[in-house]
Amino acid sequence: MKIEKFEDLEIWQLARELCKNFLVITISEPFCNDFKLRDQIRSSSGSFLDNVPEGFKRNGNKEFIQFLSVAKGSCGECRSQSYRAYDYQHTDNDTLKDLVLRTSTLSKKISRFITYLKQSDLKGTKFL
């Protein structure tokens, strides 16, 4: 399958679903009342979602890899915040396990995509 737009990327699709999942979790009580953690986790999940298309639209592998690295970092931040949410009793153990699994999976997929881009002869329209 040829990737023509960022919406075609599996990592973006997974990031979108996970970002929606974090929203659903943070709108329920008691999480919604922990304004700082709620806003942090929403921001982090938005970051891993938004950095994929931002890098994609730069039209060069080096910049794309840089933005994917930021997305991967934000994914790790969300995983850490998931543990905090559990420790603060905002989520249950099953939710924590799901979030850890999904953020870990997304992080691994981003890493593999970065490796692919580094090894690829296709360098984008900027020829970087």
C-alpha atoms as a PDB file:
ATOM      1  CA  MET A   1       0.000   0.000   0.000  1.00  0.00           C
ATOM      2  CA  LYS A   2       1.341   3.396  -0.964  1.00  0.00           C
ATOM      3  CA  ILE A   3       1.306   6.006   1.788  1.00  0.00           C
ATOM      4  CA  GLU A   4      -0.025   9.212   0.272  1.00  0.00           C
ATOM      5  CA  LYS A   5      -1.267  11.019   3.365  1.00  0.00           C
ATOM      6  CA  PHE A   6      -0.576  10.792   7.068  1.00  0.00           C
ATOM      7  CA  GLU A   7      -4.002   9.235   7.653  1.00  0.00           C
ATOM      8  CA  ASP A   8      -2.712   6.167   5.785  1.00  0.00           C
ATOM      9  CA  LEU A   9      -0.058   5.537   8.456  1.00  0.00           C
ATOM     10  CA  GLU A  10      -0.887   2.763  10.915  1.00  0.00           C
ATOM     11  CA  ILE A  11       0.962   4.608  13.692  1.00  0.00           C
ATOM     12  CA  TRP A  12      -1.254   7.660  13.214  1.00  0.00           C
ATOM     13  CA  GLN A  13      -4.394   5.517  13.230  1.00  0.00           C
ATOM     14  CA  LEU A  14      -3.297   3.799  16.452  1.00  0.00           C
ATOM     15  CA  ALA A  15      -2.316   7.134  17.999  1.00  0.00           C
ATOM     16  CA  ARG A  16      -5.728   8.575  17.154  1.00  0.00           C
ATOM     17  CA  GLU A  17      -7.545   5.683  18.832  1.00  0.00           C
ATOM     18  CA  LEU A  18      -5.320   5.884  21.895  1.00  0.00           C
ATOM     19  CA  CYS A  19      -5.749   9.661  22.134  1.00  0.00           C
ATOM     20  CA  LYS A  20      -9.537   9.208  22.067  1.00  0.00           C
ATOM     21  CA  ASN A  21      -9.193   6.554  24.764  1.00  0.00           C
ATOM     22  CA  PHE A  22      -7.284   8.954  27.019  1.00  0.00           C
ATOM     23  CA  LEU A  23     -10.024  11.545  26.520  1.00  0.00           C
ATOM     24  CA  VAL A  24     -12.735   9.076  27.540  1.00  0.00           C
ATOM     25  CA  ILE A  25     -10.794   8.083  30.634  1.00  0.00           C
ATOM     26  CA  THR A  26     -10.132  11.660  31.703  1.00  0.00           C
ATOM     27  CA  ILE A  27     -13.718  12.904  31.403  1.00  0.00           C
ATOM     28  CA  SER A  28     -15.001  10.537  34.076  1.00  0.00           C
ATOM     29  CA  GLU A  29     -14.731  11.012  37.819  1.00  0.00           C
ATOM     30  CA  PRO A  30     -12.532  11.144  39.737  1.00  0.00           C
ATOM     31  CA  PHE A  31     -10.000  11.759  36.950  1.00  0.00           C
ATOM     32  CA  CYS A  32     -11.800  14.815  35.583  1.00  0.00           C
ATOM     33  CA  ASN A  33     -11.274  16.627  38.889  1.00  0.00           C
ATOM     34  CA  ASP A  34      -7.494  16.210  38.856  1.00  0.00           C
ATOM     35  CA  PHE A  35      -7.064  19.137  36.499  1.00  0.00           C
ATOM     36  CA  LYS A  36      -3.288  19.098  36.265  1.00  0.00           C
ATOM     37  CA  LEU A  37      -2.861  15.372  35.508  1.00  0.00           C
ATOM     38  CA  ARG A  38      -5.946  15.388  33.280  1.00  0.00           C
ATOM     39  CA  ASP A  39      -4.560  18.260  31.213  1.00  0.00           C
ATOM     40  CA  GLN A  40      -1.056  16.742  31.127  1.00  0.00           C
ATOM     41  CA  ILE A  41      -2.220  13.389  29.822  1.00  0.00           C
ATOM     42  CA  ARG A  42      -4.482  15.008  27.241  1.00  0.00           C
ATOM     43  CA  SER A  43      -1.617  17.191  26.094  1.00  0.00           C
ATOM     44  CA  SER A  44       0.813  14.260  25.881  1.00  0.00           C
ATOM     45  CA  SER A  45      -1.623  12.111  23.938  1.00  0.00           C
ATOM     46  CA  GLY A  46      -2.340  15.027  21.611  1.00  0.00           C
ATOM     47  CA  SER A  47       1.392  15.421  21.113  1.00  0.00           C
ATOM     48  CA  PHE A  48       1.989  11.860  19.966  1.00  0.00           C
ATOM     49  CA  LEU A  49      -1.025  12.149  17.674  1.00  0.00           C
ATOM     50  CA  ASP A  50      -0.095  15.528  16.175  1.00  0.00           C
ATOM     51  CA  ASN A  51       3.651  15.073  15.750  1.00  0.00           C
ATOM     52  CA  VAL A  52       3.184  12.237  13.239  1.00  0.00           C
ATOM     53  CA  PRO A  53       1.384  14.406  10.653  1.00  0.00           C
ATOM     54  CA  GLU A  54       3.557  17.427  11.396  1.00  0.00           C
ATOM     55  CA  GLY A  55       6.675  15.432  10.566  1.00  0.00           C
ATOM     56  CA  PHE A  56       4.997  13.770   7.578  1.00  0.00           C
ATOM     57  CA  LYS A  57       4.114  17.135   6.065  1.00  0.00           C
ATOM     58  CA  ARG A  58       7.728  18.364   6.313  1.00  0.00           C
ATOM     59  CA  ASN A  59       8.578  16.254   3.224  1.00  0.00           C
ATOM     60  CA  GLY A  60      11.974  15.100   4.435  1.00  0.00           C
ATOM     61  CA  ASN A  61      13.036  11.987   6.311  1.00  0.00           C
ATOM     62  CA  LYS A  62      15.328  13.743   8.779  1.00  0.00           C
ATOM     63  CA  GLU A  63      12.604  16.082   9.961  1.00  0.00           C
ATOM     64  CA  PHE A  64      10.026  13.297   9.908  1.00  0.00           C
ATOM     65  CA  ILE A  65      12.286  11.155  12.100  1.00  0.00           C
ATOM     66  CA  GLN A  66      12.745  14.078  14.490  1.00  0.00           C
ATOM     67  CA  PHE A  67       8.984  14.521  14.871  1.00  0.00           C
ATOM     68  CA  LEU A  68       8.467  10.772  15.229  1.00  0.00           C
ATOM     69  CA  SER A  69      11.030  10.818  18.039  1.00  0.00           C
ATOM     70  CA  VAL A  70       9.016  13.523  19.785  1.00  0.00           C
ATOM     71  CA  ALA A  71       5.848  11.450  19.282  1.00  0.00           C
ATOM     72  CA  LYS A  72       7.596   8.424  20.782  1.00  0.00           C
ATOM     73  CA  GLY A  73       8.697  10.492  23.773  1.00  0.00           C
ATOM     74  CA  SER A  74       5.157  11.759  24.316  1.00  0.00           C
ATOM     75  CA  CYS A  75       3.915   8.184  24.131  1.00  0.00           C
ATOM     76  CA  GLY A  76       6.314   7.264  26.944  1.00  0.00           C
ATOM     77  CA  GLU A  77       5.121  10.280  28.893  1.00  0.00           C
ATOM     78  CA  CYS A  78       1.529   9.044  28.575  1.00  0.00           C
ATOM     79  CA  ARG A  79       2.567   5.607  29.785  1.00  0.00           C
ATOM     80  CA  SER A  80       4.159   7.151  32.873  1.00  0.00           C
ATOM     81  CA  GLN A  81       1.105   9.330  33.458  1.00  0.00           C
ATOM     82  CA  SER A  82      -1.066   6.207  33.212  1.00  0.00           C
ATOM     83  CA  TYR A  83       0.809   4.774  36.184  1.00  0.00           C
ATOM     84  CA  ARG A  84       0.281   8.028  38.073  1.00  0.00           C
ATOM     85  CA  ALA A  85      -3.427   7.935  37.285  1.00  0.00           C
ATOM     86  CA  TYR A  86      -3.583   4.403  38.657  1.00  0.00           C
ATOM     87  CA  ASP A  87      -1.542   5.311  41.751  1.00  0.00           C
ATOM     88  CA  TYR A  88      -3.895   8.255  42.386  1.00  0.00           C
ATOM     89  CA  GLN A  89      -6.841   5.832  42.068  1.00  0.00           C
ATOM     90  CA  HIS A  90      -8.219   7.575  38.968  1.00  0.00           C
ATOM     91  CA  THR A  91      -8.208   4.288  37.004  1.00  0.00           C
ATOM     92  CA  ASP A  92      -8.396   0.603  37.777  1.00  0.00           C
ATOM     93  CA  ASN A  93      -5.819  -2.126  37.166  1.00  0.00           C
ATOM     94  CA  ASP A  94      -7.431  -3.337  33.922  1.00  0.00           C
ATOM     95  CA  THR A  95      -7.365   0.197  32.495  1.00  0.00           C
ATOM     96  CA  LEU A  96      -3.728   0.578  33.505  1.00  0.00           C
ATOM     97  CA  LYS A  97      -2.781  -2.706  31.836  1.00  0.00           C
ATOM     98  CA  ASP A  98      -4.602  -1.678  28.654  1.00  0.00           C
ATOM     99  CA  LEU A  99      -2.953   1.748  28.545  1.00  0.00           C
ATOM    100  CA  VAL A 100       0.520   0.336  29.209  1.00  0.00           C
ATOM    101  CA  LEU A 101       0.063  -2.280  26.501  1.00  0.00           C
ATOM    102  CA  ARG A 102      -1.261   0.202  23.946  1.00  0.00           C
ATOM    103  CA  THR A 103       1.363   2.889  24.622  1.00  0.00           C
ATOM    104  CA  SER A 104       4.135   0.260  24.549  1.00  0.00           C
ATOM    105  CA  THR A 105       2.829  -1.143  21.269  1.00  0.00           C
ATOM    106  CA  LEU A 106       2.603   2.303  19.688  1.00  0.00           C
ATOM    107  CA  SER A 107       6.099   3.179  20.885  1.00  0.00           C
ATOM    108  CA  LYS A 108       7.527  -0.001  19.345  1.00  0.00           C
ATOM    109  CA  LYS A 109       5.754   0.655  16.050  1.00  0.00           C
ATOM    110  CA  ILE A 110       7.092   4.208  15.951  1.00  0.00           C
ATOM    111  CA  SER A 111      10.610   2.873  16.636  1.00  0.00           C
ATOM    112  CA  ARG A 112      10.329   0.365  13.806  1.00  0.00           C
ATOM    113  CA  PHE A 113       9.074   3.067  11.462  1.00  0.00           C
ATOM    114  CA  ILE A 114      12.001   5.320  12.410  1.00  0.00           C
ATOM    115  CA  THR A 115      14.393   2.441  11.670  1.00  0.00           C
ATOM    116  CA  TYR A 116      12.705   1.908   8.305  1.00  0.00           C
ATOM    117  CA  LEU A 117      13.007   5.599   7.410  1.00  0.00           C
ATOM    118  CA  LYS A 118      16.680   5.684   8.377  1.00  0.00           C
ATOM    119  CA  GLN A 119      17.391   2.714   6.114  1.00  0.00           C
ATOM    120  CA  SER A 120      15.165   3.829   3.241  1.00  0.00           C
ATOM    121  CA  ASP A 121      16.516   5.229  -0.002  1.00  0.00           C
ATOM    122  CA  LEU A 122      13.425   7.438  -0.183  1.00  0.00           C
ATOM    123  CA  LYS A 123      14.370  10.714   1.464  1.00  0.00           C
ATOM    124  CA  GLY A 124      11.340  12.898   0.685  1.00  0.00           C
ATOM    125  CA  THR A 125      11.046  15.911  -1.573  1.00  0.00           C
ATOM    126  CA  LYS A 126      13.651  17.874   0.382  1.00  0.00           C
ATOM    127  CA  PHE A 127      16.307  15.206  -0.342  1.00  0.00           C
ATOM    128  CA  LEU A 128      17.605  15.349   3.219  1.00  0.00           C
END
